[in-house]
Amino acid sequence: MTRAFIALKLPAQVIDALGDLQSALKKQGLKLRWVQPANIHLTLKFLGEVSVEQLQAVKNVIQELSGGYTAFTLESKGLGVFPTVKKARVLWSGIHGDVDRLAALQSDLNKALVGVGFVPDNRIFKGHLTLGRIKGRIDGKKLVSAITACGSFTSSSWAVERLILFKSVLKPKGAVYTELFTADLAIGAPEDRSQRPEDLVSSRE
């Protein structure tokens, strides 16, 4: 069995900007379990433990779905928490840009995976980039103050050009992510092609 998920990678300059954002938040006194910048990605679907046969089915779904979408543009902007400030467990930066295209892609992916035996995710999809996780209690006033101080964050935009299936191996120091399969979106990327494939970095956690 393989622990796996489907996600979008970020270009190096966005990862660097998110690392700077984390540093600014730390200076505000926040003590979280911070995600390593290079580990940050945009999750579309967490699959859990899957068999070899299921992995092949997932690859087929990704390959077929990717051909129906052209590349689109996103950016990271602002800060928020899940589920609420009083019960905060995740600190994240939001996703802006072609969010309708992102939501449609995630919805189609979810439906296609149901067709090959995966449980549907009925929660409303909210694209985000996890910056840190909160264990136990946290000072709500300090959290709000930090979010207010750093909430104007906006990254450069990047082109979403491919879907990636990742393997996740849990280790004492965190999970290690390995790419298992990549499918490019159809021809027709945005005119801004500043984010080339060679600029993308591997996601590790």
Protein backbone atom coordinates (compact mmCIF):
# COMPACT_ATOMS: atom_id res chain seq x y z
CA MET A 1 0.00 0.00 0.00
CA THR A 2 1.14 3.53 -0.80
CA ARG A 3 0.14 6.72 0.99
CA ALA A 4 -0.56 9.16 -1.83
CA PHE A 5 -2.09 12.48 -2.82
CA ILE A 6 -2.56 14.65 -5.91
CA ALA A 7 -1.24 18.20 -5.83
CA LEU A 8 0.15 21.20 -7.70
CA LYS A 9 3.79 22.24 -7.27
CA LEU A 10 4.97 25.79 -6.73
CA PRO A 11 7.81 27.62 -8.51
CA ALA A 12 10.95 28.42 -6.53
CA GLN A 13 10.28 32.14 -6.25
CA VAL A 14 6.89 31.52 -4.65
CA ILE A 15 8.39 29.03 -2.21
CA ASP A 16 11.05 31.59 -1.28
CA ALA A 17 8.37 34.22 -0.69
CA LEU A 18 6.42 31.84 1.54
CA GLY A 19 9.59 31.13 3.50
CA ASP A 20 10.04 34.87 4.07
CA LEU A 21 6.41 35.06 5.19
CA GLN A 22 6.99 32.30 7.72
CA SER A 23 10.04 34.16 9.06
CA ALA A 24 7.95 37.31 9.48
CA LEU A 25 5.27 35.35 11.34
CA LYS A 26 7.88 33.83 13.65
CA LYS A 27 9.07 37.34 14.51
CA GLN A 28 5.50 38.04 15.61
CA GLY A 29 5.97 35.41 18.30
CA LEU A 30 4.05 32.55 16.72
CA LYS A 31 5.31 29.12 17.73
CA LEU A 32 3.89 26.59 15.32
CA ARG A 33 5.00 23.38 13.73
CA TRP A 34 6.16 25.11 10.58
CA VAL A 35 6.10 23.41 7.20
CA GLN A 36 9.47 23.55 5.46
CA PRO A 37 9.07 26.01 2.54
CA ALA A 38 10.17 23.42 -0.04
CA ASN A 39 7.42 21.11 1.27
CA ILE A 40 4.56 23.52 0.60
CA HIS A 41 2.19 22.49 -2.21
CA LEU A 42 -1.44 22.93 -3.21
CA THR A 43 -3.29 19.70 -2.44
CA LEU A 44 -6.17 18.78 -4.73
CA LYS A 45 -6.97 15.34 -3.31
CA PHE A 46 -5.55 13.27 -0.47
CA LEU A 47 -5.98 9.62 -1.40
CA GLY A 48 -4.77 7.85 1.74
CA GLU A 49 -3.37 4.33 1.53
CA VAL A 50 -3.87 2.91 -1.96
CA SER A 51 -2.98 -0.37 -3.68
CA VAL A 52 -0.88 -0.83 -6.79
CA GLU A 53 -4.05 -1.36 -8.82
CA GLN A 54 -5.60 1.83 -7.44
CA LEU A 55 -2.47 3.81 -8.20
CA GLN A 56 -2.70 2.78 -11.85
CA ALA A 57 -6.35 3.82 -11.92
CA VAL A 58 -5.41 7.19 -10.43
CA LYS A 59 -2.70 7.68 -13.05
CA ASN A 60 -5.25 6.98 -15.77
CA VAL A 61 -7.66 9.52 -14.26
CA ILE A 62 -4.96 12.19 -14.04
CA GLN A 63 -3.81 11.56 -17.60
CA GLU A 64 -7.31 11.76 -19.03
CA LEU A 65 -8.38 14.77 -16.96
CA SER A 66 -5.26 16.81 -17.70
CA GLY A 67 -5.98 16.72 -21.41
CA GLY A 68 -9.23 18.62 -20.87
CA TYR A 69 -7.65 21.61 -19.14
CA THR A 70 -5.31 24.30 -20.41
CA ALA A 71 -2.84 25.98 -18.08
CA PHE A 72 -4.08 28.76 -15.82
CA THR A 73 -2.61 31.27 -13.38
CA LEU A 74 -2.71 31.42 -9.59
CA GLU A 75 -1.09 33.43 -6.82
CA SER A 76 -0.85 33.14 -3.05
CA LYS A 77 -2.38 35.97 -1.05
CA GLY A 78 -3.36 36.73 2.54
CA LEU A 79 -3.54 34.56 5.65
CA GLY A 80 -6.17 32.50 7.44
CA VAL A 81 -6.72 29.59 9.79
CA PHE A 82 -8.74 26.38 9.92
CA PRO A 83 -11.26 25.96 11.43
CA THR A 84 -11.52 29.18 13.55
CA VAL A 85 -9.15 31.44 15.48
CA LYS A 86 -10.31 30.00 18.80
CA LYS A 87 -9.78 26.42 17.61
CA ALA A 88 -7.03 27.06 15.09
CA ARG A 89 -5.19 23.98 13.86
CA VAL A 90 -3.78 25.13 10.51
CA LEU A 91 -2.33 28.49 9.44
CA TRP A 92 -2.47 29.01 5.69
CA SER A 93 -2.01 31.46 2.85
CA GLY A 94 -4.91 31.74 0.43
CA ILE A 95 -5.11 31.13 -3.31
CA HIS A 96 -6.23 33.80 -5.78
CA GLY A 97 -6.21 34.19 -9.55
CA ASP A 98 -8.08 31.72 -11.76
CA VAL A 99 -9.76 30.13 -8.75
CA ASP A 100 -12.83 29.15 -10.77
CA ARG A 101 -10.63 27.04 -13.04
CA LEU A 102 -8.90 25.57 -9.99
CA ALA A 103 -12.23 24.69 -8.35
CA ALA A 104 -13.54 23.12 -11.57
CA LEU A 105 -10.38 21.04 -11.93
CA GLN A 106 -10.58 19.83 -8.33
CA SER A 107 -14.29 19.03 -8.69
CA ASP A 108 -13.78 17.05 -11.89
CA LEU A 109 -10.86 15.22 -10.30
CA ASN A 110 -12.96 14.32 -7.26
CA LYS A 111 -15.80 13.01 -9.45
CA ALA A 112 -13.46 11.00 -11.68
CA LEU A 113 -11.82 9.37 -8.67
CA VAL A 114 -15.21 8.34 -7.31
CA GLY A 115 -15.66 6.51 -10.59
CA VAL A 116 -12.63 4.33 -9.82
CA GLY A 117 -13.60 3.52 -6.26
CA PHE A 118 -12.50 6.44 -4.08
CA VAL A 119 -14.75 7.99 -1.45
CA PRO A 120 -16.13 11.38 -2.57
CA ASP A 121 -15.04 14.47 -0.67
CA ASN A 122 -18.21 16.45 -0.05
CA ARG A 123 -16.51 19.36 1.70
CA ILE A 124 -16.34 22.68 -0.12
CA PHE A 125 -12.91 22.93 -1.69
CA LYS A 126 -10.85 25.89 -0.47
CA GLY A 127 -7.47 26.03 -2.14
CA HIS A 128 -4.74 26.99 0.33
CA LEU A 129 -1.06 26.58 1.15
CA THR A 130 -0.39 25.25 4.64
CA LEU A 131 2.30 27.28 6.40
CA GLY A 132 2.16 25.71 9.84
CA ARG A 133 0.17 23.46 12.13
CA ILE A 134 -0.93 24.20 15.67
CA LYS A 135 -0.73 21.58 18.39
CA GLY A 136 -2.62 22.28 21.58
CA ARG A 137 -3.71 25.77 22.61
CA ILE A 138 -2.51 29.04 21.11
CA ASP A 139 -2.93 32.64 22.21
CA GLY A 140 -5.78 33.85 20.00
CA LYS A 141 -4.85 37.53 20.37
CA LYS A 142 -1.26 36.85 19.34
CA LEU A 143 -2.48 34.82 16.37
CA VAL A 144 -4.82 37.58 15.20
CA SER A 145 -2.10 40.18 15.71
CA ALA A 146 0.36 38.16 13.59
CA ILE A 147 -2.20 37.60 10.83
CA THR A 148 -3.01 41.33 10.80
CA ALA A 149 0.66 42.30 10.67
CA CYS A 150 1.51 39.91 7.82
CA GLY A 151 -1.85 39.57 6.11
CA SER A 152 -1.00 41.83 3.18
CA PHE A 153 1.27 39.13 1.75
CA THR A 154 0.96 38.51 -1.99
CA SER A 155 3.21 36.24 -4.02
CA SER A 156 4.06 36.53 -7.68
CA SER A 157 1.70 34.65 -9.98
CA TRP A 158 2.55 31.28 -11.45
CA ALA A 159 1.24 29.10 -14.25
CA VAL A 160 -0.39 25.79 -13.33
CA GLU A 161 0.74 23.44 -16.10
CA ARG A 162 0.63 19.91 -14.68
CA LEU A 163 -0.98 17.55 -12.17
CA ILE A 164 1.26 15.44 -9.97
CA LEU A 165 0.64 12.23 -8.05
CA PHE A 166 2.83 12.08 -4.94
CA LYS A 167 3.86 9.28 -2.64
CA SER A 168 4.12 10.27 1.01
CA VAL A 169 6.27 8.33 3.48
CA LEU A 170 5.87 9.30 7.14
CA LYS A 171 9.09 9.65 9.11
CA PRO A 172 9.93 10.96 12.60
CA LYS A 173 11.09 14.30 11.19
CA GLY A 174 8.14 14.58 8.82
CA ALA A 175 6.87 13.05 5.62
CA VAL A 176 9.00 12.63 2.50
CA TYR A 177 7.25 13.27 -0.79
CA THR A 178 8.20 11.53 -4.04
CA GLU A 179 6.66 12.18 -7.45
CA LEU A 180 5.06 9.03 -8.85
CA PHE A 181 3.37 10.41 -11.95
CA THR A 182 3.04 13.73 -13.78
CA ALA A 183 0.55 14.75 -16.45
CA ASP A 184 0.81 18.03 -18.35
CA LEU A 185 -2.28 20.09 -18.98
CA ALA A 186 -3.33 20.51 -22.61
CA ILE A 187 -1.62 22.96 -24.96
CA GLY A 188 -2.82 26.49 -24.42
CA ALA A 189 -0.87 27.86 -21.46
CA PRO A 190 -1.11 31.52 -20.40
CA GLU A 191 1.00 34.02 -22.32
CA ASP A 192 3.11 34.64 -19.20
CA ARG A 193 5.51 31.70 -19.36
CA SER A 194 8.01 33.02 -16.79
CA GLN A 195 7.57 29.90 -14.66
CA ARG A 196 9.23 27.18 -16.69
CA PRO A 197 9.36 23.51 -15.59
CA GLU A 198 13.04 23.86 -14.63
CA ASP A 199 12.07 26.54 -12.10
CA LEU A 200 9.93 24.11 -10.14
CA VAL A 201 11.32 22.44 -7.06
CA SER A 202 10.63 19.04 -5.56
CA SER A 203 8.21 18.92 -2.64
CA ARG A 204 9.59 17.24 0.48
CA GLU A 205 8.26 17.23 3.98
